[in-house]
Amino acid sequence: MSNPTLKLRQKRSMMRLLNEGRSILEYKFDPSAFVVPRWILVPHEVRNAMVALQYKAMVAVYGMKSLMVTRDHRYFKLCPKSTGPIIYQLHQSSMHRLLEWKEDWSFANPTLAAAAKIPRDVLQFCVDSIAYGKFTCDYTNKIDGFMSGAFQSWRQLRIEIGHLAFRLMSHKPHEYNKWLVWWEGKFADDMWRWEVCLEGLILPTWEEIIDDVYLMINDRVENAQDLANTFYVSTPGLASTGL
């Protein structure tokens, strides 16, 4: 591996660690997390409000899952449909093959033969910064709509329930303190498990996604250095890379 490629790999790995959180697709929604423990004597208004909060959280979680699915299609959005059905389908099938390639190696069995790399002549890519820019714009609008809609609705009701509990229970400090320990402890921790996944919705820039595809070509395609170099230095307009 050339030194510039190694540095690029290190840079992209660091950026992913900084910018990308856990995928929301890995999260399984748990309705029981919204049930106030029976040993905490809260008014029925608070328990009823928690049912409504559960619904809003579920809407937010599945909204995030939908956004993540859209984000996961970013590599296919590099090629505009306007290039024509043949070039478009070639790019789609090439990206599928590139993304689905797995390194056949196991730490437990280091003698396992390495996976065969993808033959160069079965791949053809077509990337267009304008197409990706349009995808980025549409995706950003969806993120904005989600943050000001479903996510804001969830956060607002959560704040209101905190105020409601204080208003109804402040005259019973012992019970209120038990509620507060659960609300700001166990419940907050459970919600953090999916809220932190917001970081994973960040979309790579044009430069970053081209870097990622360049590195995948280097790793997964047979004798691909010249292809990877051509792909990487392509002009920021329409850049077609065929083999």
C-alpha atoms as a PDB file:
ATOM      1  CA  MET A   1       0.000   0.000   0.000  1.00  0.00           C
ATOM      2  CA  SER A   2       1.411   3.367  -1.001  1.00  0.00           C
ATOM      3  CA  ASN A   3       2.150   5.919   1.682  1.00  0.00           C
ATOM      4  CA  PRO A   4      -0.462   8.451   0.381  1.00  0.00           C
ATOM      5  CA  THR A   5      -3.119   5.731   0.377  1.00  0.00           C
ATOM      6  CA  LEU A   6      -2.182   4.697   3.911  1.00  0.00           C
ATOM      7  CA  LYS A   7      -2.442   8.293   5.104  1.00  0.00           C
ATOM      8  CA  LEU A   8      -5.800   8.661   3.386  1.00  0.00           C
ATOM      9  CA  ARG A   9      -7.052   5.481   5.068  1.00  0.00           C
ATOM     10  CA  GLN A  10      -5.937   6.731   8.467  1.00  0.00           C
ATOM     11  CA  LYS A  11      -7.591  10.091   7.840  1.00  0.00           C
ATOM     12  CA  ARG A  12     -10.927   8.555   6.788  1.00  0.00           C
ATOM     13  CA  SER A  13     -10.888   6.140   9.738  1.00  0.00           C
ATOM     14  CA  MET A  14     -10.352   9.033  12.125  1.00  0.00           C
ATOM     15  CA  MET A  15     -13.101  11.113  10.512  1.00  0.00           C
ATOM     16  CA  ARG A  16     -15.557   8.229  10.744  1.00  0.00           C
ATOM     17  CA  LEU A  17     -14.765   7.823  14.435  1.00  0.00           C
ATOM     18  CA  LEU A  18     -15.360  11.528  14.995  1.00  0.00           C
ATOM     19  CA  ASN A  19     -18.437  12.015  12.816  1.00  0.00           C
ATOM     20  CA  GLU A  20     -20.311   8.745  12.775  1.00  0.00           C
ATOM     21  CA  GLY A  21     -22.084   7.172  15.702  1.00  0.00           C
ATOM     22  CA  ARG A  22     -23.792   3.853  16.067  1.00  0.00           C
ATOM     23  CA  SER A  23     -26.259   2.959  13.334  1.00  0.00           C
ATOM     24  CA  ILE A  24     -29.899   3.333  14.366  1.00  0.00           C
ATOM     25  CA  LEU A  25     -30.621   0.232  12.266  1.00  0.00           C
ATOM     26  CA  GLU A  26     -28.978  -1.829  15.003  1.00  0.00           C
ATOM     27  CA  TYR A  27     -31.323  -0.452  17.662  1.00  0.00           C
ATOM     28  CA  LYS A  28     -34.405  -2.418  18.732  1.00  0.00           C
ATOM     29  CA  PHE A  29     -37.158  -0.233  20.151  1.00  0.00           C
ATOM     30  CA  ASP A  30     -38.129  -1.251  23.679  1.00  0.00           C
ATOM     31  CA  PRO A  31     -41.602  -0.074  24.846  1.00  0.00           C
ATOM     32  CA  SER A  32     -40.931  -1.334  28.382  1.00  0.00           C
ATOM     33  CA  ALA A  33     -38.337   1.426  28.845  1.00  0.00           C
ATOM     34  CA  PHE A  34     -41.243   3.894  29.181  1.00  0.00           C
ATOM     35  CA  VAL A  35     -43.027   2.058  31.970  1.00  0.00           C
ATOM     36  CA  VAL A  36     -42.466   3.787  35.300  1.00  0.00           C
ATOM     37  CA  PRO A  37     -41.476   1.152  37.905  1.00  0.00           C
ATOM     38  CA  ARG A  38     -44.344   0.193  40.215  1.00  0.00           C
ATOM     39  CA  TRP A  39     -42.347   1.054  43.320  1.00  0.00           C
ATOM     40  CA  ILE A  40     -42.412   4.735  42.250  1.00  0.00           C
ATOM     41  CA  LEU A  41     -45.752   6.245  43.224  1.00  0.00           C
ATOM     42  CA  VAL A  42     -46.369   8.722  40.421  1.00  0.00           C
ATOM     43  CA  PRO A  43     -49.754  10.288  39.581  1.00  0.00           C
ATOM     44  CA  HIS A  44     -51.761   8.655  36.811  1.00  0.00           C
ATOM     45  CA  GLU A  45     -51.298  11.830  34.734  1.00  0.00           C
ATOM     46  CA  VAL A  46     -47.580  11.131  34.597  1.00  0.00           C
ATOM     47  CA  ARG A  47     -48.047   7.478  33.680  1.00  0.00           C
ATOM     48  CA  ASN A  48     -50.522   8.439  30.934  1.00  0.00           C
ATOM     49  CA  ALA A  49     -48.089  11.024  29.615  1.00  0.00           C
ATOM     50  CA  MET A  50     -45.392   8.349  29.434  1.00  0.00           C
ATOM     51  CA  VAL A  51     -47.631   6.326  27.111  1.00  0.00           C
ATOM     52  CA  ALA A  52     -47.849   9.317  24.788  1.00  0.00           C
ATOM     53  CA  LEU A  53     -44.085   9.800  25.078  1.00  0.00           C
ATOM     54  CA  GLN A  54     -43.513   6.175  24.089  1.00  0.00           C
ATOM     55  CA  TYR A  55     -45.453   6.747  20.867  1.00  0.00           C
ATOM     56  CA  LYS A  56     -43.517   9.914  20.013  1.00  0.00           C
ATOM     57  CA  ALA A  57     -40.223   8.169  20.695  1.00  0.00           C
ATOM     58  CA  MET A  58     -41.241   5.275  18.457  1.00  0.00           C
ATOM     59  CA  VAL A  59     -42.100   7.693  15.632  1.00  0.00           C
ATOM     60  CA  ALA A  60     -38.726   9.390  16.081  1.00  0.00           C
ATOM     61  CA  VAL A  61     -36.808   6.094  16.108  1.00  0.00           C
ATOM     62  CA  TYR A  62     -38.471   4.795  12.957  1.00  0.00           C
ATOM     63  CA  GLY A  63     -37.980   8.195  11.339  1.00  0.00           C
ATOM     64  CA  MET A  64     -34.272   7.871  12.057  1.00  0.00           C
ATOM     65  CA  LYS A  65     -34.265   4.337  10.629  1.00  0.00           C
ATOM     66  CA  SER A  66     -35.832   5.645   7.420  1.00  0.00           C
ATOM     67  CA  LEU A  67     -33.196   8.370   7.178  1.00  0.00           C
ATOM     68  CA  MET A  68     -30.413   5.837   7.732  1.00  0.00           C
ATOM     69  CA  VAL A  69     -31.733   3.644   4.921  1.00  0.00           C
ATOM     70  CA  THR A  70     -31.680   6.699   2.658  1.00  0.00           C
ATOM     71  CA  ARG A  71     -28.141   7.515   3.786  1.00  0.00           C
ATOM     72  CA  ASP A  72     -27.029   3.940   3.086  1.00  0.00           C
ATOM     73  CA  HIS A  73     -27.987   4.452  -0.579  1.00  0.00           C
ATOM     74  CA  ARG A  74     -25.480   7.287  -0.980  1.00  0.00           C
ATOM     75  CA  TYR A  75     -23.037   5.297  -3.118  1.00  0.00           C
ATOM     76  CA  PHE A  76     -25.741   4.576  -5.656  1.00  0.00           C
ATOM     77  CA  LYS A  77     -26.690   8.262  -5.809  1.00  0.00           C
ATOM     78  CA  LEU A  78     -23.251   9.147  -7.208  1.00  0.00           C
ATOM     79  CA  CYS A  79     -24.507   8.287 -10.683  1.00  0.00           C
ATOM     80  CA  PRO A  80     -27.412  10.317 -12.149  1.00  0.00           C
ATOM     81  CA  LYS A  81     -30.174   8.495 -14.019  1.00  0.00           C
ATOM     82  CA  SER A  82     -29.739  11.053 -16.797  1.00  0.00           C
ATOM     83  CA  THR A  83     -26.601   9.209 -17.937  1.00  0.00           C
ATOM     84  CA  GLY A  84     -28.880   6.605 -19.477  1.00  0.00           C
ATOM     85  CA  PRO A  85     -30.165   3.208 -18.333  1.00  0.00           C
ATOM     86  CA  ILE A  86     -27.097   1.190 -19.354  1.00  0.00           C
ATOM     87  CA  ILE A  87     -24.470   3.335 -17.597  1.00  0.00           C
ATOM     88  CA  TYR A  88     -26.772   3.829 -14.608  1.00  0.00           C
ATOM     89  CA  GLN A  89     -27.364   0.083 -14.182  1.00  0.00           C
ATOM     90  CA  LEU A  90     -23.656  -0.668 -14.623  1.00  0.00           C
ATOM     91  CA  HIS A  91     -22.837   1.745 -11.817  1.00  0.00           C
ATOM     92  CA  GLN A  92     -25.538   0.272  -9.576  1.00  0.00           C
ATOM     93  CA  SER A  93     -24.411  -3.323 -10.100  1.00  0.00           C
ATOM     94  CA  SER A  94     -20.736  -2.356  -9.726  1.00  0.00           C
ATOM     95  CA  MET A  95     -21.402  -0.566  -6.433  1.00  0.00           C
ATOM     96  CA  HIS A  96     -23.443  -3.526  -5.164  1.00  0.00           C
ATOM     97  CA  ARG A  97     -20.576  -5.857  -5.946  1.00  0.00           C
ATOM     98  CA  LEU A  98     -17.997  -3.542  -4.376  1.00  0.00           C
ATOM     99  CA  LEU A  99     -20.015  -3.056  -1.183  1.00  0.00           C
ATOM    100  CA  GLU A 100     -20.927  -6.722  -0.791  1.00  0.00           C
ATOM    101  CA  TRP A 101     -17.360  -7.997  -1.083  1.00  0.00           C
ATOM    102  CA  LYS A 102     -16.149  -9.478   2.193  1.00  0.00           C
ATOM    103  CA  GLU A 103     -12.613 -10.290   3.215  1.00  0.00           C
ATOM    104  CA  ASP A 104     -12.538 -14.036   3.839  1.00  0.00           C
ATOM    105  CA  TRP A 105     -10.237 -14.059   6.847  1.00  0.00           C
ATOM    106  CA  SER A 106     -10.616 -15.135  10.439  1.00  0.00           C
ATOM    107  CA  PHE A 107      -8.380 -14.383  13.405  1.00  0.00           C
ATOM    108  CA  ALA A 108      -9.232 -17.828  14.727  1.00  0.00           C
ATOM    109  CA  ASN A 109      -8.082 -19.425  11.469  1.00  0.00           C
ATOM    110  CA  PRO A 110      -5.267 -17.344   9.940  1.00  0.00           C
ATOM    111  CA  THR A 111      -4.507 -20.097   7.393  1.00  0.00           C
ATOM    112  CA  LEU A 112      -7.836 -19.488   5.653  1.00  0.00           C
ATOM    113  CA  ALA A 113      -7.214 -18.447   2.056  1.00  0.00           C
ATOM    114  CA  ALA A 114      -7.826 -14.800   1.249  1.00  0.00           C
ATOM    115  CA  ALA A 115     -11.046 -13.978  -0.574  1.00  0.00           C
ATOM    116  CA  ALA A 116     -10.724 -13.561  -4.323  1.00  0.00           C
ATOM    117  CA  LYS A 117     -10.828  -9.914  -5.313  1.00  0.00           C
ATOM    118  CA  ILE A 118     -13.311  -8.581  -7.851  1.00  0.00           C
ATOM    119  CA  PRO A 119     -12.139  -8.808 -11.480  1.00  0.00           C
ATOM    120  CA  ARG A 120     -11.620  -5.393 -12.976  1.00  0.00           C
ATOM    121  CA  ASP A 121     -13.514  -6.115 -16.163  1.00  0.00           C
ATOM    122  CA  VAL A 122     -16.854  -6.615 -14.376  1.00  0.00           C
ATOM    123  CA  LEU A 123     -16.946  -3.123 -12.876  1.00  0.00           C
ATOM    124  CA  GLN A 124     -17.836   0.250 -14.291  1.00  0.00           C
ATOM    125  CA  PHE A 125     -18.490   3.375 -12.240  1.00  0.00           C
ATOM    126  CA  CYS A 126     -19.932   6.731 -13.147  1.00  0.00           C
ATOM    127  CA  VAL A 127     -19.768   9.515 -10.558  1.00  0.00           C
ATOM    128  CA  ASP A 128     -21.143  13.010 -10.756  1.00  0.00           C
ATOM    129  CA  SER A 129     -20.675  15.663  -8.067  1.00  0.00           C
ATOM    130  CA  ILE A 130     -23.850  17.458  -9.190  1.00  0.00           C
ATOM    131  CA  ALA A 131     -25.940  14.292  -8.730  1.00  0.00           C
ATOM    132  CA  TYR A 132     -24.469  13.757  -5.278  1.00  0.00           C
ATOM    133  CA  GLY A 133     -25.055  17.423  -4.485  1.00  0.00           C
ATOM    134  CA  LYS A 134     -28.754  17.045  -5.318  1.00  0.00           C
ATOM    135  CA  PHE A 135     -28.955  13.933  -3.160  1.00  0.00           C
ATOM    136  CA  THR A 136     -27.220  15.799  -0.322  1.00  0.00           C
ATOM    137  CA  CYS A 137     -29.702  18.675  -0.619  1.00  0.00           C
ATOM    138  CA  ASP A 138     -32.725  16.348  -0.549  1.00  0.00           C
ATOM    139  CA  TYR A 139     -31.290  14.373   2.350  1.00  0.00           C
ATOM    140  CA  THR A 140     -30.505  17.544   4.321  1.00  0.00           C
ATOM    141  CA  ASN A 141     -34.095  18.730   3.842  1.00  0.00           C
ATOM    142  CA  LYS A 142     -35.325  15.394   5.226  1.00  0.00           C
ATOM    143  CA  ILE A 143     -33.018  15.736   8.226  1.00  0.00           C
ATOM    144  CA  ASP A 144     -34.265  19.281   8.856  1.00  0.00           C
ATOM    145  CA  GLY A 145     -37.878  18.108   8.618  1.00  0.00           C
ATOM    146  CA  PHE A 146     -37.208  15.283  11.041  1.00  0.00           C
ATOM    147  CA  MET A 147     -35.394  17.456  13.587  1.00  0.00           C
ATOM    148  CA  SER A 148     -38.097  20.139  13.544  1.00  0.00           C
ATOM    149  CA  GLY A 149     -40.904  17.576  13.419  1.00  0.00           C
ATOM    150  CA  ALA A 150     -40.820  14.123  15.003  1.00  0.00           C
ATOM    151  CA  PHE A 151     -37.639  14.633  17.012  1.00  0.00           C
ATOM    152  CA  GLN A 152     -38.649  18.058  18.327  1.00  0.00           C
ATOM    153  CA  SER A 153     -42.094  16.679  19.259  1.00  0.00           C
ATOM    154  CA  TRP A 154     -40.443  13.892  21.264  1.00  0.00           C
ATOM    155  CA  ARG A 155     -38.051  16.218  23.048  1.00  0.00           C
ATOM    156  CA  GLN A 156     -40.756  18.767  23.832  1.00  0.00           C
ATOM    157  CA  LEU A 157     -43.064  16.218  25.455  1.00  0.00           C
ATOM    158  CA  ARG A 158     -40.139  14.816  27.435  1.00  0.00           C
ATOM    159  CA  ILE A 159     -39.484  18.297  28.861  1.00  0.00           C
ATOM    160  CA  GLU A 160     -43.183  18.791  29.607  1.00  0.00           C
ATOM    161  CA  ILE A 161     -43.367  15.498  31.507  1.00  0.00           C
ATOM    162  CA  GLY A 162     -40.446  16.581  33.654  1.00  0.00           C
ATOM    163  CA  HIS A 163     -42.319  19.771  34.539  1.00  0.00           C
ATOM    164  CA  LEU A 164     -45.571  17.861  35.069  1.00  0.00           C
ATOM    165  CA  ALA A 165     -43.971  15.455  37.520  1.00  0.00           C
ATOM    166  CA  PHE A 166     -42.452  18.309  39.507  1.00  0.00           C
ATOM    167  CA  ARG A 167     -45.756  20.184  39.645  1.00  0.00           C
ATOM    168  CA  LEU A 168     -47.724  17.163  40.826  1.00  0.00           C
ATOM    169  CA  MET A 169     -45.146  15.594  43.146  1.00  0.00           C
ATOM    170  CA  SER A 170     -43.086  18.428  44.654  1.00  0.00           C
ATOM    171  CA  HIS A 171     -45.178  18.252  47.825  1.00  0.00           C
ATOM    172  CA  LYS A 172     -44.002  14.636  48.241  1.00  0.00           C
ATOM    173  CA  PRO A 173     -40.218  15.048  48.056  1.00  0.00           C
ATOM    174  CA  HIS A 174     -39.450  11.426  48.882  1.00  0.00           C
ATOM    175  CA  GLU A 175     -41.541  10.049  46.007  1.00  0.00           C
ATOM    176  CA  TYR A 176     -40.413  12.829  43.683  1.00  0.00           C
ATOM    177  CA  ASN A 177     -36.749  12.064  44.384  1.00  0.00           C
ATOM    178  CA  LYS A 178     -37.331   8.385  43.584  1.00  0.00           C
ATOM    179  CA  TRP A 179     -38.962   9.440  40.300  1.00  0.00           C
ATOM    180  CA  LEU A 180     -36.122  11.834  39.529  1.00  0.00           C
ATOM    181  CA  VAL A 181     -33.470   9.171  40.097  1.00  0.00           C
ATOM    182  CA  TRP A 182     -35.237   6.907  37.588  1.00  0.00           C
ATOM    183  CA  TRP A 183     -36.082   9.717  35.125  1.00  0.00           C
ATOM    184  CA  GLU A 184     -32.589  11.162  35.008  1.00  0.00           C
ATOM    185  CA  GLY A 185     -30.844   7.812  35.420  1.00  0.00           C
ATOM    186  CA  LYS A 186     -32.203   4.582  33.968  1.00  0.00           C
ATOM    187  CA  PHE A 187     -34.704   6.241  31.636  1.00  0.00           C
ATOM    188  CA  ALA A 188     -32.234   8.835  30.337  1.00  0.00           C
ATOM    189  CA  ASP A 189     -29.657   6.083  29.720  1.00  0.00           C
ATOM    190  CA  ASP A 190     -32.178   4.035  27.750  1.00  0.00           C
ATOM    191  CA  MET A 191     -33.072   7.032  25.584  1.00  0.00           C
ATOM    192  CA  TRP A 192     -29.414   7.892  25.001  1.00  0.00           C
ATOM    193  CA  ARG A 193     -28.968   4.520  23.317  1.00  0.00           C
ATOM    194  CA  TRP A 194     -30.994   5.683  20.316  1.00  0.00           C
ATOM    195  CA  GLU A 195     -30.574   9.458  20.523  1.00  0.00           C
ATOM    196  CA  VAL A 196     -26.793   9.071  20.144  1.00  0.00           C
ATOM    197  CA  CYS A 197     -27.458   7.432  16.764  1.00  0.00           C
ATOM    198  CA  LEU A 198     -28.217  10.905  15.388  1.00  0.00           C
ATOM    199  CA  GLU A 199     -24.472  11.269  14.836  1.00  0.00           C
ATOM    200  CA  GLY A 200     -24.579   8.311  12.469  1.00  0.00           C
ATOM    201  CA  LEU A 201     -26.966  10.171  10.149  1.00  0.00           C
ATOM    202  CA  ILE A 202     -24.270  12.633   9.078  1.00  0.00           C
ATOM    203  CA  LEU A 203     -23.761  12.405   5.313  1.00  0.00           C
ATOM    204  CA  PRO A 204     -20.196  12.364   3.957  1.00  0.00           C
ATOM    205  CA  THR A 205     -19.135  15.223   1.730  1.00  0.00           C
ATOM    206  CA  TRP A 206     -18.383  14.667  -1.963  1.00  0.00           C
ATOM    207  CA  GLU A 207     -14.668  14.514  -1.206  1.00  0.00           C
ATOM    208  CA  GLU A 208     -15.172  12.053   1.645  1.00  0.00           C
ATOM    209  CA  ILE A 209     -17.376   9.645  -0.288  1.00  0.00           C
ATOM    210  CA  ILE A 210     -14.961   9.651  -3.233  1.00  0.00           C
ATOM    211  CA  ASP A 211     -12.156   8.870  -0.796  1.00  0.00           C
ATOM    212  CA  ASP A 212     -14.189   5.963   0.594  1.00  0.00           C
ATOM    213  CA  VAL A 213     -14.898   4.486  -2.847  1.00  0.00           C
ATOM    214  CA  TYR A 214     -11.243   4.939  -3.805  1.00  0.00           C
ATOM    215  CA  LEU A 215     -10.149   2.957  -0.764  1.00  0.00           C
ATOM    216  CA  MET A 216     -12.719   0.211  -1.399  1.00  0.00           C
ATOM    217  CA  ILE A 217     -11.467  -0.162  -4.974  1.00  0.00           C
ATOM    218  CA  ASN A 218      -7.903  -0.428  -3.677  1.00  0.00           C
ATOM    219  CA  ASP A 219      -8.882  -3.144  -1.202  1.00  0.00           C
ATOM    220  CA  ARG A 220     -11.411  -5.160  -3.149  1.00  0.00           C
ATOM    221  CA  VAL A 221     -10.600  -5.019  -6.865  1.00  0.00           C
ATOM    222  CA  GLU A 222      -7.945  -7.078  -8.588  1.00  0.00           C
ATOM    223  CA  ASN A 223      -4.985  -5.035  -9.893  1.00  0.00           C
ATOM    224  CA  ALA A 224      -6.946  -1.883  -9.223  1.00  0.00           C
ATOM    225  CA  GLN A 225      -4.319   0.764  -8.537  1.00  0.00           C
ATOM    226  CA  ASP A 226      -4.614   2.433 -11.943  1.00  0.00           C
ATOM    227  CA  LEU A 227      -8.421   2.295 -11.727  1.00  0.00           C
ATOM    228  CA  ALA A 228      -8.373   3.706  -8.206  1.00  0.00           C
ATOM    229  CA  ASN A 229      -6.013   6.488  -9.223  1.00  0.00           C
ATOM    230  CA  THR A 230      -8.154   7.400 -12.224  1.00  0.00           C
ATOM    231  CA  PHE A 231     -11.247   7.378 -10.056  1.00  0.00           C
ATOM    232  CA  TYR A 232      -9.638   9.469  -7.344  1.00  0.00           C
ATOM    233  CA  VAL A 233      -8.267  12.234  -9.557  1.00  0.00           C
ATOM    234  CA  SER A 234     -11.371  12.504 -11.739  1.00  0.00           C
ATOM    235  CA  THR A 235     -12.689  15.996 -12.313  1.00  0.00           C
ATOM    236  CA  PRO A 236     -15.459  17.122  -9.938  1.00  0.00           C
ATOM    237  CA  GLY A 237     -18.024  17.211 -12.744  1.00  0.00           C
ATOM    238  CA  LEU A 238     -19.055  14.002 -14.470  1.00  0.00           C
ATOM    239  CA  ALA A 239     -16.322  11.431 -13.995  1.00  0.00           C
ATOM    240  CA  SER A 240     -16.708   8.020 -15.584  1.00  0.00           C
ATOM    241  CA  THR A 241     -14.410   5.189 -14.608  1.00  0.00           C
ATOM    242  CA  GLY A 242     -14.673   2.075 -16.705  1.00  0.00           C
ATOM    243  CA  LEU A 243     -12.575  -1.013 -17.021  1.00  0.00           C
END
